[in-house]
Protein backbone atom coordinates (compact mmCIF):
# COMPACT_ATOMS: atom_id res chain seq x y z
CA UNK A 1 117.27 -1.88 92.96
CA UNK A 2 113.99 -0.06 93.79
CA UNK A 3 112.59 -3.26 95.43
CA UNK A 4 115.72 -3.55 97.59
CA UNK A 5 115.63 0.04 98.71
CA UNK A 6 111.94 -0.13 99.49
CA UNK A 7 112.49 -3.24 101.56
CA UNK A 8 115.49 -1.66 103.37
CA UNK A 9 113.44 1.40 104.23
CA UNK A 10 110.41 -0.56 105.36
CA UNK A 11 112.15 -3.19 107.33
CA UNK A 12 115.20 -1.63 108.85
CA UNK A 13 115.13 2.12 109.44
CA UNK A 14 113.61 4.34 111.99
CA UNK A 15 111.82 7.52 110.87
CA UNK A 16 110.98 9.55 113.87
CA UNK A 17 108.95 12.72 113.19
CA UNK A 18 109.68 14.39 116.53
CA UNK A 19 109.42 11.55 119.00
CA UNK A 20 107.72 8.86 116.93
CA UNK A 21 109.51 5.90 115.39
CA UNK A 22 108.47 3.60 112.62
CA UNK A 23 110.31 0.43 113.22
CA UNK A 24 110.63 -0.68 116.80
CA UNK A 25 112.72 -3.77 117.46
CA UNK A 26 111.54 -6.15 120.21
CA UNK A 27 113.48 -5.50 123.44
CA UNK A 28 112.89 -7.63 126.42
CA UNK A 29 113.75 -5.45 129.33
CA UNK A 30 114.24 -6.43 133.00
CA UNK A 31 114.94 -2.81 133.88
CA UNK A 32 112.17 -0.98 135.77
CA UNK A 33 111.44 2.48 134.37
CA UNK A 34 114.04 4.31 132.35
CA UNK A 35 117.50 2.69 131.81
CA UNK A 36 120.79 4.22 132.80
CA UNK A 37 123.19 2.96 130.09
CA UNK A 38 126.16 2.84 132.54
CA UNK A 39 124.14 0.56 134.83
CA UNK A 40 122.82 -2.06 132.35
CA UNK A 41 124.00 -4.85 130.14
CA UNK A 42 122.64 -6.09 126.80
CA UNK A 43 122.25 -9.76 125.89
CA UNK A 44 122.14 -10.17 122.13
CA UNK A 45 120.96 -13.52 120.70
CA UNK A 46 121.80 -13.64 117.00
CA UNK A 47 119.81 -15.49 114.33
CA UNK A 48 121.32 -18.77 113.08
CA UNK A 49 124.14 -18.03 110.62
CA UNK A 50 124.14 -14.35 111.34
CA UNK A 51 127.59 -12.54 111.51
CA UNK A 52 128.62 -10.60 114.43
CA UNK A 53 127.32 -7.02 114.12
CA UNK A 54 129.80 -4.12 114.21
CA UNK A 55 129.00 -3.14 117.71
CA UNK A 56 130.13 -6.63 118.91
CA UNK A 57 133.29 -6.70 116.83
CA UNK A 58 134.30 -3.26 118.03
CA UNK A 59 134.39 -4.59 121.58
CA UNK A 60 136.36 -7.63 120.58
CA UNK A 61 133.60 -10.01 121.58
CA UNK A 62 132.44 -13.27 120.03
CA UNK A 63 129.12 -14.99 120.08
CA UNK A 64 129.07 -18.17 122.27
CA UNK A 65 126.24 -20.38 121.21
CA UNK A 66 124.84 -17.45 119.18
CA UNK A 67 124.65 -15.22 122.24
CA UNK A 68 126.78 -12.12 122.97
CA UNK A 69 126.59 -10.14 126.28
CA UNK A 70 127.61 -6.56 126.32
CA UNK A 71 128.43 -6.07 130.00
CA UNK A 72 129.08 -2.39 129.47
CA UNK A 73 127.16 -0.11 127.13
CA UNK A 74 129.73 2.71 127.37
CA UNK A 75 130.58 4.12 123.97
CA UNK A 76 133.31 2.17 122.24
CA UNK A 77 136.33 4.41 121.32
CA UNK A 78 136.81 3.91 117.58
CA UNK A 79 140.07 4.87 115.93
CA UNK A 80 140.15 2.95 112.71
CA UNK A 81 141.79 4.71 109.81
CA UNK A 82 140.21 7.45 107.73
CA UNK A 83 139.98 6.13 104.19
CA UNK A 84 139.86 8.21 100.88
CA UNK A 85 136.18 7.22 100.45
CA UNK A 86 135.32 8.96 103.82
CA UNK A 87 136.15 12.24 102.11
CA UNK A 88 135.06 11.69 98.58
CA UNK A 89 132.09 12.69 96.51
CA UNK A 90 130.31 9.41 95.49
CA UNK A 91 127.22 8.06 93.85
CA UNK A 92 125.33 8.29 97.16
CA UNK A 93 127.03 11.29 98.82
CA UNK A 94 127.08 13.30 95.52
CA UNK A 95 127.85 16.74 96.88
CA UNK A 96 129.28 18.00 93.60
CA UNK A 97 125.90 17.98 91.88
CA UNK A 98 124.61 21.47 90.91
CA UNK A 99 121.85 21.32 93.46
CA UNK A 100 124.34 21.84 96.20
CA UNK A 101 125.39 25.27 95.03
CA UNK A 102 122.29 26.73 96.66
CA UNK A 103 122.87 24.76 99.81
CA UNK A 104 126.41 26.13 100.29
CA UNK A 105 124.99 29.63 100.05
CA UNK A 106 122.46 28.73 102.72
CA UNK A 107 125.04 27.14 105.05
CA UNK A 108 127.21 30.16 104.67
CA UNK A 109 124.30 32.53 105.48
CA UNK A 110 123.54 30.49 108.63
CA UNK A 111 127.02 29.34 109.86
CA UNK A 112 129.66 31.23 107.94
CA UNK A 113 132.44 29.89 105.70
CA UNK A 114 133.77 27.32 108.25
CA UNK A 115 130.71 25.62 109.83
CA UNK A 116 131.34 23.20 112.60
CA UNK A 117 130.01 19.59 112.78
CA UNK A 118 127.27 20.82 115.11
CA UNK A 119 126.37 23.53 112.63
CA UNK A 120 126.04 20.99 109.80
CA UNK A 121 124.00 18.65 112.01
CA UNK A 122 121.60 21.41 112.79
CA UNK A 123 121.38 22.61 109.29
CA UNK A 124 120.51 19.10 107.94
CA UNK A 125 117.80 18.67 110.48
CA UNK A 126 116.17 21.89 109.46
CA UNK A 127 116.72 21.49 105.74
CA UNK A 128 115.06 18.05 105.65
CA UNK A 129 111.80 19.68 106.79
CA UNK A 130 109.45 16.86 105.88
CA UNK A 131 110.10 13.91 108.24
CA UNK A 132 108.66 11.18 106.09
CA UNK A 133 108.97 7.51 105.33
CA UNK A 134 107.86 8.06 101.76
CA UNK A 135 111.40 7.77 100.32
CA UNK A 136 113.43 4.61 99.78
CA UNK A 137 117.08 5.48 100.35
CA UNK A 138 117.69 8.67 98.38
CA UNK A 139 120.98 10.05 97.11
CA UNK A 140 122.13 13.19 98.91
CA UNK A 141 121.38 15.34 95.92
CA UNK A 142 117.79 14.03 95.91
CA UNK A 143 117.43 14.82 99.60
CA UNK A 144 118.72 18.32 99.05
CA UNK A 145 116.08 18.82 96.34
CA UNK A 146 113.05 17.21 98.01
CA UNK A 147 113.91 18.14 101.65
CA UNK A 148 112.07 14.85 102.63
CA UNK A 149 113.01 11.68 104.27
CA UNK A 150 113.70 9.54 107.37
CA UNK A 151 116.91 8.82 109.12
CA UNK A 152 118.65 7.40 106.08
CA UNK A 153 118.05 10.59 104.06
CA UNK A 154 119.23 12.71 106.98
CA UNK A 155 122.34 10.64 107.22
CA UNK A 156 123.40 10.69 103.58
CA UNK A 157 122.79 14.47 103.34
CA UNK A 158 124.70 15.13 106.52
CA UNK A 159 127.58 12.95 105.34
CA UNK A 160 127.67 14.80 102.01
CA UNK A 161 127.87 18.24 103.80
CA UNK A 162 130.50 17.09 106.20
CA UNK A 163 132.75 15.78 103.45
CA UNK A 164 132.40 19.01 101.45
CA UNK A 165 133.51 21.03 104.44
CA UNK A 166 136.59 18.71 105.03
CA UNK A 167 135.24 16.47 107.75
CA UNK A 168 135.64 12.70 107.06
CA UNK A 169 132.25 11.03 107.37
CA UNK A 170 130.59 7.67 106.98
CA UNK A 171 127.02 6.39 107.24
CA UNK A 172 126.28 3.79 109.86
CA UNK A 173 123.32 1.38 110.05
CA UNK A 174 122.23 -0.24 113.26
CA UNK A 175 120.23 -0.05 116.35
CA UNK A 176 119.61 2.72 118.93
CA UNK A 177 118.63 2.16 122.47
CA UNK A 178 116.60 5.10 123.86
CA UNK A 179 114.33 5.73 126.85
CA UNK A 180 110.99 6.22 125.18
CA UNK A 181 107.70 6.91 127.06
CA UNK A 182 109.31 6.09 130.41
CA UNK A 183 110.93 2.78 129.40
CA UNK A 184 113.98 1.57 127.37
CA UNK A 185 113.28 0.72 123.73
CA UNK A 186 115.20 -0.32 120.66
CA UNK A 187 114.85 0.99 117.05
CA UNK A 188 116.44 0.46 113.67
CA UNK A 189 118.30 3.55 112.65
CA UNK A 190 120.87 5.17 110.36
CA UNK A 191 123.26 8.00 111.42
CA UNK A 192 126.69 9.40 110.66
CA UNK A 193 130.20 9.02 112.14
CA UNK A 194 132.70 11.78 111.63
CA UNK A 195 136.35 11.79 112.53
CA UNK A 196 137.66 14.31 114.92
CA UNK A 197 140.54 14.53 117.50
CA UNK A 198 141.75 11.04 116.54
CA UNK A 199 138.46 9.10 116.87
CA UNK A 200 135.11 8.52 115.14
CA UNK A 201 132.19 10.47 116.73
CA UNK A 202 128.53 10.05 116.32
CA UNK A 203 126.60 12.81 114.42
CA UNK A 204 122.82 12.43 114.17
CA UNK A 205 120.65 14.99 112.35
CA UNK A 206 117.19 13.52 113.06
CA UNK A 207 116.96 12.35 116.72
CA UNK A 208 116.22 15.20 119.15
CA UNK A 209 119.34 16.25 120.98
CA UNK A 210 117.62 15.90 124.34
CA UNK A 211 117.02 12.12 123.92
CA UNK A 212 119.40 9.92 125.92
CA UNK A 213 120.48 7.67 123.01
CA UNK A 214 122.92 4.76 122.88
CA UNK A 215 124.15 3.77 119.41
CA UNK A 216 124.86 0.20 118.31
CA UNK A 217 126.22 0.09 114.71
CA UNK A 218 125.70 -3.16 112.83
CA UNK A 219 127.34 -2.09 109.54
CA UNK A 220 128.89 0.82 107.68
CA UNK A 221 127.59 1.74 104.22
CA UNK A 222 130.77 0.91 102.49
CA UNK A 223 129.43 0.56 98.94
CA UNK A 224 128.45 4.14 97.80
CA UNK A 225 128.35 3.30 94.03
CA UNK A 226 125.39 2.58 91.68
CA UNK A 227 124.90 -0.83 93.25
CA UNK A 228 124.65 0.38 96.80
CA UNK A 229 121.19 -0.89 97.13
CA UNK A 230 122.45 -4.47 97.10
CA UNK A 231 124.85 -3.71 99.95
CA UNK A 232 121.91 -2.65 102.10
CA UNK A 233 120.62 -6.30 102.21
CA UNK A 234 123.30 -7.59 104.66
CA UNK A 235 122.95 -4.41 106.64
CA UNK A 236 119.25 -5.05 107.05
CA UNK A 237 119.92 -8.68 108.03
CA UNK A 238 122.27 -7.36 110.67
CA UNK A 239 119.26 -5.78 112.46
CA UNK A 240 117.38 -9.14 112.64
CA UNK A 241 118.13 -10.29 116.11
CA UNK A 242 116.51 -13.44 117.59
CA UNK A 243 116.43 -11.64 120.94
CA UNK A 244 117.58 -8.39 122.59
CA UNK A 245 117.36 -8.42 126.43
CA UNK A 246 118.33 -5.57 128.71
CA UNK A 247 119.35 -6.42 132.24
CA UNK A 248 120.61 -4.55 135.27
CA UNK A 249 124.40 -5.12 135.91
């Protein structure tokens, strides 16, 4: 499992200390300067045999000749059901471990007995004080103890905190499009979706809030048991695009 986790971290996930990212995906852009996501379209050429990523399925699209065009990059409204596992303590989101007792006291000190989603996002970003790619894909309790990691560690800790406080949460794996150094770029990433007001919403504890980010999930981390490392392999493969091309609409 260690080999799988190391591969997943090295190949797939962005780890941005401040505004730096580890793993940039190749993006062919025909857009001059920074992109406005409501004025561009994305052409995705899948590798042979690859399944449609989640951001394609959510829009009801199919690949034709291995190519999918997202003519609108507006956020998809996602209303699929909240499942018991989205609320549960698990092997990965193990928020019933003793290490969390101290965290609950810290959260209460900073945000009271009923923290909001925004409070927990901010708390996670501050608690994981060492933005590092030195971890594989740690369990939430390990992140709570080491206070170190990249986007995957931020995501599992945030999901654990959200579930403890009654917010359904799930970890998503995929791609983010972001204007970076004056031009659009694509990066592998992990983040959280939480259910509120009848729909799933993005919650991200590592990317700076002032970044103009568009999220393209490829997969949900559905296996949170001891064998979760093996489930990361298809998620990693879901980030291996033959080509990503951004064009003006």
